[in-house]
């Protein structure tokens, strides 16, 4: 599956197929769109230029119900969105079990270009003294040039 996030009816149809009859604690198009916007803002706040965002993905599961009257668990939706060169795409959706008072799961997975851009942004204006320090397989020299 690879559906551009602004294709409301197609996204909703794909999520409806996963959600089946469930209507509470599941993800619909509005939530998927919010997740994409939130991920875009997250990247922007960390200094990642748009050209480095391709391939970045985000996974999301909503928080559990506030009340423990649901018993032990309830059905929800898990989604994975991926950033193309200009747009976000829904690439996967599945049924997920959530529990009362469980926190939401919002996880951004960076590709190499985005990682380097964010580290460069964080180190902008800093002086890195010699040595061969290595972070996540990236040398200091690679990210500060």
Protein backbone atom coordinates (compact mmCIF):
# COMPACT_ATOMS: atom_id res chain seq x y z
CA UNK A 1 0.00 0.00 0.00
CA UNK A 2 1.24 3.50 -0.78
CA UNK A 3 -1.45 6.19 -0.68
CA UNK A 4 -0.68 9.91 -0.67
CA UNK A 5 -1.90 11.42 2.61
CA UNK A 6 -4.09 14.06 0.91
CA UNK A 7 -6.20 11.37 -0.83
CA UNK A 8 -8.86 11.44 1.89
CA UNK A 9 -11.28 8.85 0.52
CA UNK A 10 -8.56 6.34 -0.39
CA UNK A 11 -6.87 6.69 3.01
CA UNK A 12 -10.18 6.36 4.84
CA UNK A 13 -11.12 3.26 2.81
CA UNK A 14 -7.79 1.60 3.62
CA UNK A 15 -8.18 2.41 7.33
CA UNK A 16 -11.83 1.29 7.36
CA UNK A 17 -10.69 -2.10 6.01
CA UNK A 18 -8.35 -2.42 9.01
CA UNK A 19 -10.77 -0.96 11.58
CA UNK A 20 -13.73 -3.03 10.38
CA UNK A 21 -16.69 -2.16 12.66
CA UNK A 22 -14.63 -0.41 15.36
CA UNK A 23 -15.23 3.33 15.64
CA UNK A 24 -13.58 4.28 18.96
CA UNK A 25 -9.82 4.40 19.59
CA UNK A 26 -9.06 3.78 15.90
CA UNK A 27 -7.34 5.96 13.33
CA UNK A 28 -9.18 7.64 10.45
CA UNK A 29 -7.95 10.01 7.74
CA UNK A 30 -8.01 13.13 9.99
CA UNK A 31 -5.71 11.48 12.53
CA UNK A 32 -3.37 10.13 9.84
CA UNK A 33 -3.12 13.63 8.38
CA UNK A 34 -2.37 15.08 11.84
CA UNK A 35 0.39 12.50 12.34
CA UNK A 36 1.99 13.50 9.02
CA UNK A 37 1.80 17.20 9.94
CA UNK A 38 3.23 16.48 13.38
CA UNK A 39 6.15 14.52 11.88
CA UNK A 40 6.81 17.32 9.38
CA UNK A 41 6.89 19.86 12.22
CA UNK A 42 9.17 17.56 14.27
CA UNK A 43 11.67 17.44 11.38
CA UNK A 44 11.43 21.20 10.79
CA UNK A 45 12.06 22.00 14.47
CA UNK A 46 15.24 19.94 14.35
CA UNK A 47 16.60 21.76 11.31
CA UNK A 48 16.05 19.02 8.73
CA UNK A 49 15.70 20.60 5.26
CA UNK A 50 12.90 19.30 3.03
CA UNK A 51 15.37 17.77 0.56
CA UNK A 52 16.72 15.48 3.32
CA UNK A 53 13.29 14.24 4.48
CA UNK A 54 12.67 11.65 1.74
CA UNK A 55 12.44 8.16 3.21
CA UNK A 56 11.78 9.29 6.78
CA UNK A 57 8.97 7.27 8.32
CA UNK A 58 6.72 7.63 11.32
CA UNK A 59 4.74 4.97 13.15
CA UNK A 60 1.79 5.87 15.34
CA UNK A 61 -0.66 4.19 17.69
CA UNK A 62 -3.15 6.31 19.67
CA UNK A 63 -3.27 6.34 23.45
CA UNK A 64 -5.46 3.91 25.30
CA UNK A 65 -8.81 4.74 26.89
CA UNK A 66 -8.72 6.92 30.02
CA UNK A 67 -11.06 4.67 31.92
CA UNK A 68 -10.20 1.17 33.07
CA UNK A 69 -13.85 0.23 32.49
CA UNK A 70 -12.68 -1.19 29.14
CA UNK A 71 -11.27 -4.12 31.06
CA UNK A 72 -7.93 -5.35 29.86
CA UNK A 73 -7.63 -4.15 26.26
CA UNK A 74 -9.38 -2.74 23.21
CA UNK A 75 -8.85 -2.66 19.47
CA UNK A 76 -7.02 0.23 17.82
CA UNK A 77 -5.02 0.97 14.70
CA UNK A 78 -1.30 1.21 14.03
CA UNK A 79 -0.12 3.20 10.99
CA UNK A 80 3.18 3.77 9.23
CA UNK A 81 3.62 6.87 7.11
CA UNK A 82 6.59 7.56 4.88
CA UNK A 83 7.84 10.87 3.49
CA UNK A 84 8.33 11.05 -0.25
CA UNK A 85 10.20 13.88 -1.93
CA UNK A 86 7.22 16.23 -1.42
CA UNK A 87 4.37 14.36 0.31
CA UNK A 88 3.64 11.88 3.08
CA UNK A 89 2.19 8.47 2.18
CA UNK A 90 0.29 5.86 4.17
CA UNK A 91 2.37 2.74 3.56
CA UNK A 92 1.01 0.36 6.18
CA UNK A 93 -1.88 0.00 8.62
CA UNK A 94 -2.76 -2.82 10.97
CA UNK A 95 -4.97 -3.70 13.89
CA UNK A 96 -3.29 -3.04 17.24
CA UNK A 97 -4.29 -3.87 20.79
CA UNK A 98 -4.11 -0.99 23.26
CA UNK A 99 -4.65 -0.92 27.00
CA UNK A 100 -6.33 1.50 29.40
CA UNK A 101 -4.15 4.54 30.18
CA UNK A 102 -1.48 3.45 27.67
CA UNK A 103 0.43 6.40 26.22
CA UNK A 104 0.40 7.07 22.48
CA UNK A 105 3.29 5.79 20.41
CA UNK A 106 4.78 8.30 17.96
CA UNK A 107 8.12 7.17 16.55
CA UNK A 108 10.07 8.94 13.80
CA UNK A 109 12.62 6.78 11.97
CA UNK A 110 15.28 8.80 10.17
CA UNK A 111 17.19 7.98 7.01
CA UNK A 112 20.89 8.83 6.76
CA UNK A 113 20.42 12.22 5.01
CA UNK A 114 17.92 13.39 7.63
CA UNK A 115 20.16 12.16 10.46
CA UNK A 116 23.18 14.04 9.11
CA UNK A 117 21.10 17.22 8.54
CA UNK A 118 19.73 17.15 12.10
CA UNK A 119 23.16 16.56 13.64
CA UNK A 120 24.65 19.35 11.51
CA UNK A 121 21.88 21.66 12.67
CA UNK A 122 22.47 20.73 16.30
CA UNK A 123 26.23 21.32 15.96
CA UNK A 124 25.95 24.54 13.96
CA UNK A 125 28.18 27.14 15.59
CA UNK A 126 29.89 24.59 17.86
CA UNK A 127 33.61 23.90 17.74
CA UNK A 128 34.47 20.22 17.74
CA UNK A 129 38.02 19.60 18.96
CA UNK A 130 40.07 16.87 17.15
CA UNK A 131 39.70 13.16 17.70
CA UNK A 132 37.85 10.44 15.90
CA UNK A 133 34.54 10.58 17.75
CA UNK A 134 31.86 8.56 16.00
CA UNK A 135 28.06 8.81 16.49
CA UNK A 136 25.75 6.19 15.02
CA UNK A 137 28.31 5.27 12.38
CA UNK A 138 28.80 8.91 11.36
CA UNK A 139 32.13 10.59 11.97
CA UNK A 140 32.26 14.08 13.48
CA UNK A 141 34.14 15.22 10.37
CA UNK A 142 31.30 14.01 8.13
CA UNK A 143 28.60 15.98 9.92
CA UNK A 144 30.58 19.17 10.55
CA UNK A 145 31.92 19.78 7.06
